[in-house]
N, C-alpha and C. Protein backbone atom coordinates (compact mmCIF):
# COMPACT_ATOMS: atom_id res chain seq x y z
N UNK A 1 -28.50 128.88 53.08
CA UNK A 1 -28.03 130.12 53.64
C UNK A 1 -28.81 130.50 54.90
N UNK A 2 -30.12 130.28 54.89
CA UNK A 2 -30.93 130.62 56.07
C UNK A 2 -30.49 129.81 57.28
N UNK A 3 -30.09 128.56 57.05
CA UNK A 3 -29.63 127.71 58.15
C UNK A 3 -28.38 128.28 58.81
N UNK A 4 -27.48 128.82 57.99
CA UNK A 4 -26.25 129.40 58.51
C UNK A 4 -26.57 130.67 59.34
N UNK A 5 -27.51 131.46 58.87
CA UNK A 5 -27.92 132.66 59.60
C UNK A 5 -28.57 132.24 60.92
N UNK A 6 -29.44 131.22 60.87
CA UNK A 6 -30.07 130.72 62.09
C UNK A 6 -29.03 130.25 63.10
N UNK A 7 -27.99 129.57 62.65
CA UNK A 7 -26.93 129.11 63.54
C UNK A 7 -26.20 130.28 64.17
N UNK A 8 -25.96 131.33 63.40
CA UNK A 8 -25.28 132.51 63.95
C UNK A 8 -26.16 133.20 64.99
N UNK A 9 -27.43 133.30 64.71
CA UNK A 9 -28.36 133.91 65.67
C UNK A 9 -28.38 133.09 66.94
N UNK A 10 -28.52 131.78 66.79
CA UNK A 10 -28.54 130.89 67.96
C UNK A 10 -27.23 131.03 68.76
N UNK A 11 -26.12 131.06 68.06
CA UNK A 11 -24.82 131.17 68.74
C UNK A 11 -24.70 132.50 69.48
N UNK A 12 -25.13 133.59 68.85
CA UNK A 12 -25.07 134.90 69.50
C UNK A 12 -25.95 134.93 70.75
N UNK A 13 -27.15 134.39 70.63
CA UNK A 13 -28.06 134.38 71.77
C UNK A 13 -27.52 133.50 72.90
N UNK A 14 -26.90 132.38 72.55
CA UNK A 14 -26.30 131.51 73.57
C UNK A 14 -25.16 132.24 74.29
N UNK A 15 -24.34 132.96 73.53
CA UNK A 15 -23.23 133.71 74.14
C UNK A 15 -23.75 134.79 75.07
N UNK A 16 -24.79 135.48 74.66
CA UNK A 16 -25.38 136.52 75.51
C UNK A 16 -26.03 135.91 76.76
N UNK A 17 -26.69 134.78 76.58
CA UNK A 17 -27.29 134.09 77.73
C UNK A 17 -26.21 133.65 78.70
N UNK A 18 -25.16 133.04 78.18
CA UNK A 18 -24.05 132.62 79.04
C UNK A 18 -23.42 133.81 79.76
N UNK A 19 -23.31 134.94 79.06
CA UNK A 19 -22.74 136.14 79.68
C UNK A 19 -23.64 136.64 80.81
N UNK A 20 -24.94 136.62 80.59
CA UNK A 20 -25.88 137.06 81.63
C UNK A 20 -25.78 136.15 82.85
N UNK A 21 -25.76 134.86 82.62
CA UNK A 21 -25.67 133.90 83.72
C UNK A 21 -24.35 134.09 84.47
N UNK A 22 -23.27 134.23 83.74
CA UNK A 22 -21.96 134.44 84.37
C UNK A 22 -21.97 135.72 85.22
N UNK A 23 -22.50 136.78 84.68
CA UNK A 23 -22.53 138.05 85.39
C UNK A 23 -23.38 137.96 86.66
N UNK A 24 -24.55 137.34 86.54
CA UNK A 24 -25.48 137.28 87.67
C UNK A 24 -25.02 136.33 88.79
N UNK A 25 -24.01 135.55 88.52
CA UNK A 25 -23.48 134.69 89.59
C UNK A 25 -22.77 135.51 90.66
N UNK A 26 -22.33 136.72 90.29
CA UNK A 26 -21.59 137.54 91.25
C UNK A 26 -22.18 138.93 91.46
N UNK A 27 -23.05 139.37 90.58
CA UNK A 27 -23.57 140.74 90.65
C UNK A 27 -25.11 140.71 90.58
N UNK A 28 -25.75 141.75 91.11
CA UNK A 28 -27.22 141.80 91.07
C UNK A 28 -27.75 142.16 89.67
N UNK A 29 -28.96 141.74 89.42
CA UNK A 29 -29.62 141.99 88.13
C UNK A 29 -29.68 143.49 87.81
N UNK A 30 -29.90 144.30 88.82
CA UNK A 30 -30.04 145.74 88.62
C UNK A 30 -28.78 146.39 88.05
N UNK A 31 -27.64 145.74 88.22
CA UNK A 31 -26.38 146.35 87.77
C UNK A 31 -25.96 145.90 86.36
N UNK A 32 -26.74 145.05 85.74
CA UNK A 32 -26.40 144.56 84.40
C UNK A 32 -26.60 145.67 83.38
N UNK A 33 -25.60 145.84 82.51
CA UNK A 33 -25.73 146.80 81.41
C UNK A 33 -25.46 146.06 80.10
N UNK A 34 -25.93 146.63 79.03
CA UNK A 34 -25.69 146.04 77.71
C UNK A 34 -24.19 145.99 77.44
N UNK A 35 -23.48 147.04 77.79
CA UNK A 35 -22.03 147.08 77.56
C UNK A 35 -21.33 145.93 78.29
N UNK A 36 -21.68 145.71 79.56
CA UNK A 36 -21.05 144.63 80.33
C UNK A 36 -21.34 143.27 79.70
N UNK A 37 -22.60 143.06 79.31
CA UNK A 37 -22.96 141.79 78.68
C UNK A 37 -22.20 141.58 77.38
N UNK A 38 -22.13 142.61 76.58
CA UNK A 38 -21.45 142.50 75.29
C UNK A 38 -19.96 142.27 75.47
N UNK A 39 -19.36 142.89 76.48
CA UNK A 39 -17.94 142.66 76.77
C UNK A 39 -17.71 141.20 77.16
N UNK A 40 -18.54 140.68 78.03
CA UNK A 40 -18.40 139.29 78.48
C UNK A 40 -18.63 138.32 77.32
N UNK A 41 -19.68 138.60 76.54
CA UNK A 41 -20.04 137.70 75.43
C UNK A 41 -19.17 137.89 74.20
N UNK A 42 -18.43 138.98 74.18
CA UNK A 42 -17.59 139.33 73.04
C UNK A 42 -18.42 139.47 71.76
N UNK A 43 -19.49 140.27 71.90
CA UNK A 43 -20.34 140.60 70.75
C UNK A 43 -20.55 142.11 70.72
N UNK A 44 -20.96 142.60 69.58
CA UNK A 44 -21.24 144.03 69.43
C UNK A 44 -22.58 144.38 70.07
N UNK A 45 -22.70 145.64 70.46
CA UNK A 45 -23.97 146.11 71.02
C UNK A 45 -25.11 145.95 70.00
N UNK A 46 -24.79 146.13 68.73
CA UNK A 46 -25.83 145.99 67.70
C UNK A 46 -26.36 144.55 67.67
N UNK A 47 -25.48 143.59 67.96
CA UNK A 47 -25.92 142.19 68.02
C UNK A 47 -26.89 142.01 69.18
N UNK A 48 -26.55 142.60 70.31
CA UNK A 48 -27.47 142.52 71.46
C UNK A 48 -28.83 143.09 71.09
N UNK A 49 -28.83 144.32 70.56
CA UNK A 49 -30.09 144.99 70.25
C UNK A 49 -30.85 144.35 69.09
N UNK A 50 -30.20 143.52 68.31
CA UNK A 50 -30.92 142.78 67.26
C UNK A 50 -31.84 141.73 67.86
N UNK A 51 -31.55 141.32 69.12
CA UNK A 51 -32.32 140.25 69.76
C UNK A 51 -33.12 140.71 70.97
N UNK A 52 -32.64 141.74 71.66
CA UNK A 52 -33.26 142.16 72.93
C UNK A 52 -33.34 143.67 73.00
N UNK A 53 -34.31 144.15 73.75
CA UNK A 53 -34.43 145.60 73.95
C UNK A 53 -33.62 146.05 75.17
N UNK A 54 -33.44 145.13 76.13
CA UNK A 54 -32.74 145.49 77.36
C UNK A 54 -32.20 144.21 78.01
N UNK A 55 -31.30 144.35 78.98
CA UNK A 55 -30.84 143.18 79.72
C UNK A 55 -32.00 142.44 80.41
N UNK A 56 -33.00 143.18 80.83
CA UNK A 56 -34.16 142.54 81.46
C UNK A 56 -34.89 141.62 80.49
N UNK A 57 -34.95 141.99 79.22
CA UNK A 57 -35.56 141.11 78.21
C UNK A 57 -34.81 139.78 78.11
N UNK A 58 -33.50 139.85 78.14
CA UNK A 58 -32.68 138.64 78.10
C UNK A 58 -32.93 137.80 79.34
N UNK A 59 -32.96 138.44 80.50
CA UNK A 59 -33.24 137.73 81.75
C UNK A 59 -34.60 137.03 81.68
N UNK A 60 -35.60 137.73 81.18
CA UNK A 60 -36.94 137.15 81.07
C UNK A 60 -36.94 135.95 80.12
N UNK A 61 -36.12 136.00 79.08
CA UNK A 61 -36.03 134.86 78.17
C UNK A 61 -35.42 133.65 78.89
N UNK A 62 -34.43 133.88 79.73
CA UNK A 62 -33.84 132.79 80.51
C UNK A 62 -34.90 132.20 81.44
N UNK A 63 -35.63 133.08 82.10
CA UNK A 63 -36.72 132.66 82.98
C UNK A 63 -37.74 131.82 82.21
N UNK A 64 -38.12 132.30 81.05
CA UNK A 64 -39.11 131.61 80.23
C UNK A 64 -38.63 130.23 79.80
N UNK A 65 -37.36 130.11 79.45
CA UNK A 65 -36.85 128.80 79.03
C UNK A 65 -36.90 127.80 80.18
N UNK A 66 -36.62 128.27 81.39
CA UNK A 66 -36.67 127.38 82.55
C UNK A 66 -38.12 127.04 82.90
N UNK A 67 -39.00 128.01 82.79
CA UNK A 67 -40.41 127.79 83.10
C UNK A 67 -41.05 126.84 82.09
N UNK A 68 -40.68 126.96 80.83
CA UNK A 68 -41.31 126.13 79.81
C UNK A 68 -41.06 124.64 80.07
N UNK A 69 -39.92 124.33 80.67
CA UNK A 69 -39.66 122.93 81.03
C UNK A 69 -40.70 122.44 82.04
N UNK A 70 -40.94 123.24 83.07
CA UNK A 70 -41.92 122.88 84.11
C UNK A 70 -43.30 122.72 83.48
N UNK A 71 -43.70 123.69 82.69
CA UNK A 71 -45.03 123.69 82.07
C UNK A 71 -45.22 122.44 81.22
N UNK A 72 -44.27 122.15 80.37
CA UNK A 72 -44.36 120.99 79.47
C UNK A 72 -44.53 119.70 80.27
N UNK A 73 -43.75 119.55 81.31
CA UNK A 73 -43.79 118.30 82.07
C UNK A 73 -45.03 118.18 82.95
N UNK A 74 -45.49 119.27 83.50
CA UNK A 74 -46.72 119.21 84.30
C UNK A 74 -47.92 118.97 83.38
N UNK A 75 -47.90 119.54 82.19
CA UNK A 75 -48.97 119.25 81.22
C UNK A 75 -49.01 117.77 80.87
N UNK A 76 -47.84 117.14 80.80
CA UNK A 76 -47.79 115.70 80.51
C UNK A 76 -48.36 114.88 81.67
N UNK A 77 -48.14 115.33 82.89
CA UNK A 77 -48.74 114.64 84.04
C UNK A 77 -50.25 114.78 83.98
N UNK A 78 -50.72 116.00 83.72
CA UNK A 78 -52.17 116.23 83.65
C UNK A 78 -52.82 115.40 82.55
N UNK A 79 -52.11 115.19 81.47
CA UNK A 79 -52.63 114.38 80.36
C UNK A 79 -52.37 112.89 80.60
N UNK A 80 -51.77 112.57 81.74
CA UNK A 80 -51.46 111.19 82.13
C UNK A 80 -50.53 110.49 81.14
N UNK A 81 -49.64 111.29 80.53
CA UNK A 81 -48.65 110.71 79.63
C UNK A 81 -47.34 110.41 80.37
N UNK A 82 -47.27 110.83 81.63
CA UNK A 82 -46.06 110.56 82.41
C UNK A 82 -46.44 110.46 83.88
N UNK A 83 -45.50 110.07 84.71
CA UNK A 83 -45.74 109.90 86.13
C UNK A 83 -44.97 110.95 86.92
N UNK A 84 -45.29 111.07 88.21
CA UNK A 84 -44.54 111.99 89.08
C UNK A 84 -43.07 111.59 89.15
N UNK A 85 -42.83 110.29 89.16
CA UNK A 85 -41.43 109.83 89.20
C UNK A 85 -40.68 110.28 87.96
N UNK A 86 -41.32 110.15 86.79
CA UNK A 86 -40.70 110.63 85.56
C UNK A 86 -40.45 112.14 85.62
N UNK A 87 -41.45 112.89 86.12
CA UNK A 87 -41.31 114.34 86.23
C UNK A 87 -40.12 114.70 87.12
N UNK A 88 -40.03 114.08 88.28
CA UNK A 88 -38.94 114.39 89.21
C UNK A 88 -37.60 114.01 88.59
N UNK A 89 -37.53 112.84 87.96
CA UNK A 89 -36.27 112.43 87.32
C UNK A 89 -35.87 113.40 86.20
N UNK A 90 -36.83 113.80 85.39
CA UNK A 90 -36.55 114.76 84.31
C UNK A 90 -36.11 116.10 84.89
N UNK A 91 -36.81 116.54 85.95
CA UNK A 91 -36.47 117.83 86.56
C UNK A 91 -35.05 117.82 87.11
N UNK A 92 -34.69 116.77 87.81
CA UNK A 92 -33.35 116.69 88.37
C UNK A 92 -32.31 116.65 87.25
N UNK A 93 -32.58 115.88 86.20
CA UNK A 93 -31.66 115.85 85.05
C UNK A 93 -31.53 117.24 84.42
N UNK A 94 -32.66 117.87 84.20
CA UNK A 94 -32.67 119.19 83.55
C UNK A 94 -31.95 120.23 84.40
N UNK A 95 -32.27 120.27 85.69
CA UNK A 95 -31.64 121.27 86.56
C UNK A 95 -30.18 120.96 86.82
N UNK A 96 -29.78 119.72 86.66
CA UNK A 96 -28.36 119.38 86.71
C UNK A 96 -27.67 120.00 85.49
N UNK A 97 -28.26 119.78 84.34
CA UNK A 97 -27.69 120.31 83.08
C UNK A 97 -27.71 121.84 83.05
N UNK A 98 -28.76 122.42 83.57
CA UNK A 98 -28.95 123.87 83.54
C UNK A 98 -28.71 124.50 84.92
N UNK A 99 -27.80 123.92 85.69
CA UNK A 99 -27.63 124.36 87.08
C UNK A 99 -27.23 125.83 87.20
N UNK A 100 -26.43 126.35 86.29
CA UNK A 100 -26.05 127.76 86.36
C UNK A 100 -27.27 128.67 86.21
N UNK A 101 -28.12 128.35 85.25
CA UNK A 101 -29.32 129.16 85.05
C UNK A 101 -30.27 129.03 86.25
N UNK A 102 -30.42 127.83 86.76
CA UNK A 102 -31.30 127.61 87.90
C UNK A 102 -30.82 128.41 89.10
N UNK A 103 -29.53 128.39 89.36
CA UNK A 103 -28.99 129.12 90.51
C UNK A 103 -29.18 130.62 90.35
N UNK A 104 -29.05 131.12 89.14
CA UNK A 104 -29.27 132.55 88.90
C UNK A 104 -30.72 132.92 89.20
N UNK A 105 -31.66 132.10 88.74
CA UNK A 105 -33.07 132.39 89.01
C UNK A 105 -33.37 132.32 90.50
N UNK A 106 -32.79 131.35 91.19
CA UNK A 106 -33.02 131.24 92.63
C UNK A 106 -32.32 132.37 93.38
N UNK A 107 -31.12 132.72 92.95
CA UNK A 107 -30.36 133.79 93.61
C UNK A 107 -31.05 135.13 93.44
N UNK A 108 -31.58 135.39 92.26
CA UNK A 108 -32.25 136.67 92.03
C UNK A 108 -33.67 136.65 92.59
N UNK A 109 -34.03 135.51 93.18
CA UNK A 109 -35.35 135.35 93.81
C UNK A 109 -36.46 135.69 92.81
N UNK A 110 -36.36 135.09 91.65
CA UNK A 110 -37.28 135.36 90.56
C UNK A 110 -38.72 135.01 90.93
N UNK A 111 -39.50 136.03 91.22
CA UNK A 111 -40.90 135.81 91.60
C UNK A 111 -41.71 135.26 90.44
N UNK A 112 -41.45 135.74 89.22
CA UNK A 112 -42.27 135.27 88.10
C UNK A 112 -41.99 133.79 87.79
N UNK A 113 -40.74 133.34 87.96
CA UNK A 113 -40.41 131.93 87.77
C UNK A 113 -41.17 131.08 88.79
N UNK A 114 -41.10 131.48 90.05
CA UNK A 114 -41.81 130.73 91.10
C UNK A 114 -43.32 130.80 90.90
N UNK A 115 -43.83 131.97 90.53
CA UNK A 115 -45.27 132.11 90.32
C UNK A 115 -45.76 131.25 89.16
N UNK A 116 -44.98 131.17 88.10
CA UNK A 116 -45.34 130.32 86.96
C UNK A 116 -45.39 128.86 87.41
N UNK A 117 -44.41 128.45 88.17
CA UNK A 117 -44.40 127.08 88.69
C UNK A 117 -45.62 126.84 89.56
N UNK A 118 -45.94 127.81 90.42
CA UNK A 118 -47.11 127.69 91.30
C UNK A 118 -48.39 127.56 90.48
N UNK A 119 -48.51 128.36 89.44
CA UNK A 119 -49.71 128.35 88.60
C UNK A 119 -49.95 126.96 88.02
N UNK A 120 -48.88 126.32 87.55
CA UNK A 120 -49.05 125.01 86.94
C UNK A 120 -49.21 123.92 87.98
N UNK A 121 -48.57 124.09 89.12
CA UNK A 121 -48.76 123.11 90.19
C UNK A 121 -50.19 123.13 90.71
N UNK A 122 -50.80 124.30 90.68
CA UNK A 122 -52.16 124.42 91.15
C UNK A 122 -53.09 123.47 90.38
N UNK A 123 -52.88 123.37 89.08
CA UNK A 123 -53.68 122.46 88.26
C UNK A 123 -53.45 121.01 88.66
N UNK A 124 -52.19 120.66 88.91
CA UNK A 124 -51.84 119.28 89.19
C UNK A 124 -52.18 118.88 90.61
N UNK A 125 -51.82 119.71 91.57
CA UNK A 125 -51.98 119.35 92.97
C UNK A 125 -53.43 119.45 93.43
N UNK A 126 -54.29 120.13 92.69
CA UNK A 126 -55.68 120.29 93.11
C UNK A 126 -56.37 118.95 93.32
N UNK A 127 -55.94 117.95 92.59
CA UNK A 127 -56.53 116.62 92.73
C UNK A 127 -56.17 116.01 94.09
N UNK A 128 -54.97 116.27 94.56
CA UNK A 128 -54.49 115.67 95.80
C UNK A 128 -54.97 116.43 97.02
N UNK A 129 -54.91 117.74 97.00
CA UNK A 129 -55.32 118.56 98.13
C UNK A 129 -56.72 119.11 97.84
N UNK A 130 -57.70 118.47 98.43
CA UNK A 130 -59.09 118.82 98.14
C UNK A 130 -59.52 120.10 98.86
N UNK A 131 -59.00 120.33 100.06
CA UNK A 131 -59.40 121.49 100.85
C UNK A 131 -58.78 122.76 100.26
N UNK A 132 -59.60 123.65 99.69
CA UNK A 132 -59.06 124.86 99.06
C UNK A 132 -58.32 125.77 100.05
N UNK A 133 -58.66 125.66 101.33
CA UNK A 133 -57.99 126.48 102.33
C UNK A 133 -56.56 126.01 102.59
N UNK A 134 -56.27 124.76 102.30
CA UNK A 134 -54.94 124.21 102.55
C UNK A 134 -54.10 124.10 101.28
N UNK A 135 -54.75 124.14 100.13
CA UNK A 135 -54.05 123.90 98.87
C UNK A 135 -52.87 124.87 98.66
N UNK A 136 -53.07 126.15 98.91
CA UNK A 136 -52.01 127.12 98.69
C UNK A 136 -50.82 126.90 99.63
N UNK A 137 -51.10 126.46 100.85
CA UNK A 137 -50.00 126.16 101.77
C UNK A 137 -49.15 125.01 101.22
N UNK A 138 -49.84 124.00 100.74
CA UNK A 138 -49.13 122.85 100.19
C UNK A 138 -48.30 123.26 98.98
N UNK A 139 -48.87 124.07 98.10
CA UNK A 139 -48.15 124.50 96.91
C UNK A 139 -46.91 125.32 97.28
N UNK A 140 -47.07 126.24 98.24
CA UNK A 140 -45.92 127.02 98.69
C UNK A 140 -44.82 126.10 99.22
N UNK A 141 -45.23 125.15 100.03
CA UNK A 141 -44.28 124.21 100.62
C UNK A 141 -43.61 123.38 99.53
N UNK A 142 -44.40 122.89 98.60
CA UNK A 142 -43.90 122.04 97.53
C UNK A 142 -42.86 122.77 96.67
N UNK A 143 -43.23 123.95 96.19
CA UNK A 143 -42.32 124.70 95.32
C UNK A 143 -41.08 125.13 96.09
N UNK A 144 -41.27 125.71 97.26
CA UNK A 144 -40.12 126.17 98.06
C UNK A 144 -39.20 125.01 98.43
N UNK A 145 -39.80 123.90 98.80
CA UNK A 145 -39.01 122.73 99.18
C UNK A 145 -38.19 122.18 98.03
N UNK A 146 -38.80 122.04 96.88
CA UNK A 146 -38.06 121.53 95.72
C UNK A 146 -36.95 122.49 95.33
N UNK A 147 -37.27 123.80 95.28
CA UNK A 147 -36.22 124.78 94.96
C UNK A 147 -35.10 124.74 95.98
N UNK A 148 -35.43 124.60 97.26
CA UNK A 148 -34.40 124.57 98.31
C UNK A 148 -33.51 123.35 98.16
N UNK A 149 -34.10 122.20 97.91
CA UNK A 149 -33.31 120.97 97.76
C UNK A 149 -32.42 121.05 96.53
N UNK A 150 -32.99 121.47 95.40
CA UNK A 150 -32.20 121.59 94.17
C UNK A 150 -31.08 122.60 94.37
N UNK A 151 -31.40 123.72 94.99
CA UNK A 151 -30.41 124.77 95.23
C UNK A 151 -29.27 124.26 96.11
N UNK A 152 -29.60 123.61 97.21
CA UNK A 152 -28.57 123.09 98.12
C UNK A 152 -27.71 122.05 97.40
N UNK A 153 -28.34 121.22 96.59
CA UNK A 153 -27.62 120.18 95.86
C UNK A 153 -26.62 120.81 94.89
N UNK A 154 -27.08 121.81 94.14
CA UNK A 154 -26.21 122.46 93.17
C UNK A 154 -25.09 123.22 93.89
N UNK A 155 -25.47 124.02 94.89
CA UNK A 155 -24.46 124.79 95.64
C UNK A 155 -23.44 123.89 96.32
N UNK A 156 -23.87 122.70 96.73
CA UNK A 156 -22.97 121.76 97.40
C UNK A 156 -22.10 120.97 96.44
N UNK A 157 -22.16 121.29 95.17
CA UNK A 157 -21.31 120.62 94.19
C UNK A 157 -21.88 119.33 93.64
N UNK A 158 -23.18 119.10 93.85
CA UNK A 158 -23.88 117.92 93.33
C UNK A 158 -23.16 116.63 93.75
N UNK A 159 -22.82 116.54 95.05
CA UNK A 159 -22.12 115.38 95.58
C UNK A 159 -23.01 114.13 95.50
N UNK A 160 -24.27 114.31 95.86
CA UNK A 160 -25.21 113.19 95.77
C UNK A 160 -25.57 112.95 94.30
N UNK A 161 -25.84 111.72 93.99
CA UNK A 161 -26.21 111.41 92.61
C UNK A 161 -27.60 111.97 92.30
N UNK A 162 -27.88 112.11 91.01
CA UNK A 162 -29.20 112.56 90.59
C UNK A 162 -30.28 111.58 91.08
N UNK A 163 -29.94 110.31 91.09
CA UNK A 163 -30.90 109.30 91.56
C UNK A 163 -31.25 109.52 93.03
N UNK A 164 -30.26 109.81 93.85
CA UNK A 164 -30.50 110.05 95.28
C UNK A 164 -31.40 111.27 95.47
N UNK A 165 -31.14 112.34 94.73
CA UNK A 165 -31.96 113.55 94.85
C UNK A 165 -33.38 113.28 94.36
N UNK A 166 -33.53 112.56 93.28
CA UNK A 166 -34.87 112.21 92.78
C UNK A 166 -35.64 111.39 93.81
N UNK A 167 -34.98 110.40 94.39
CA UNK A 167 -35.63 109.56 95.40
C UNK A 167 -36.02 110.38 96.63
N UNK A 168 -35.15 111.30 97.05
CA UNK A 168 -35.46 112.17 98.19
C UNK A 168 -36.72 112.98 97.92
N UNK A 169 -36.78 113.60 96.75
CA UNK A 169 -37.95 114.41 96.40
C UNK A 169 -39.21 113.56 96.34
N UNK A 170 -39.13 112.40 95.74
CA UNK A 170 -40.30 111.51 95.66
C UNK A 170 -40.75 111.08 97.05
N UNK A 171 -39.80 110.76 97.92
CA UNK A 171 -40.17 110.36 99.29
C UNK A 171 -40.85 111.51 100.02
N UNK A 172 -40.33 112.71 99.89
CA UNK A 172 -40.92 113.87 100.56
C UNK A 172 -42.31 114.19 100.02
N UNK A 173 -42.52 113.88 98.75
CA UNK A 173 -43.82 114.12 98.14
C UNK A 173 -44.80 112.97 98.38
N UNK A 174 -44.31 111.93 99.06
CA UNK A 174 -45.17 110.78 99.32
C UNK A 174 -45.44 109.95 98.09
N UNK A 175 -44.49 109.94 97.15
CA UNK A 175 -44.68 109.23 95.88
C UNK A 175 -43.71 108.06 95.77
N UNK A 176 -43.43 107.38 96.86
CA UNK A 176 -42.48 106.25 96.79
C UNK A 176 -43.14 104.95 96.47
């Protein structure tokens, strides 16, 4: 019985997440209301409030799910369980699969998403950029550049293959 309840909770949260992403593709975050989300998701307001206190809580959960991917993979690089090539390939695969969520975070100019990425890159890139005066410039460039390339690729309809985008990113990072 608990498994069935868990499935319903997961399904409700997925519908609400999809509704938030759909809404944010055309409207600003500030205009999101619980009623609008529930109408799009076709769920009751009580279902929304069973999981979230506000639309911003749901947005933050989306942000967190995207950030956790970055954190997990950068931690694997730091532990030397994976390579930069693997990270880039996984990132391109993941952002291809989650392109709607990625575009919403980029469109809303999510500072916390970018800051979280910067925080974890700081640990990884510190080995490569020894000069502390230049490290932050490199990190800004790295994060902004990757987001810009992924964003352009998604907005352009993902015409180039994932392999081409991965190779482009690796070449720009000097990891060929």
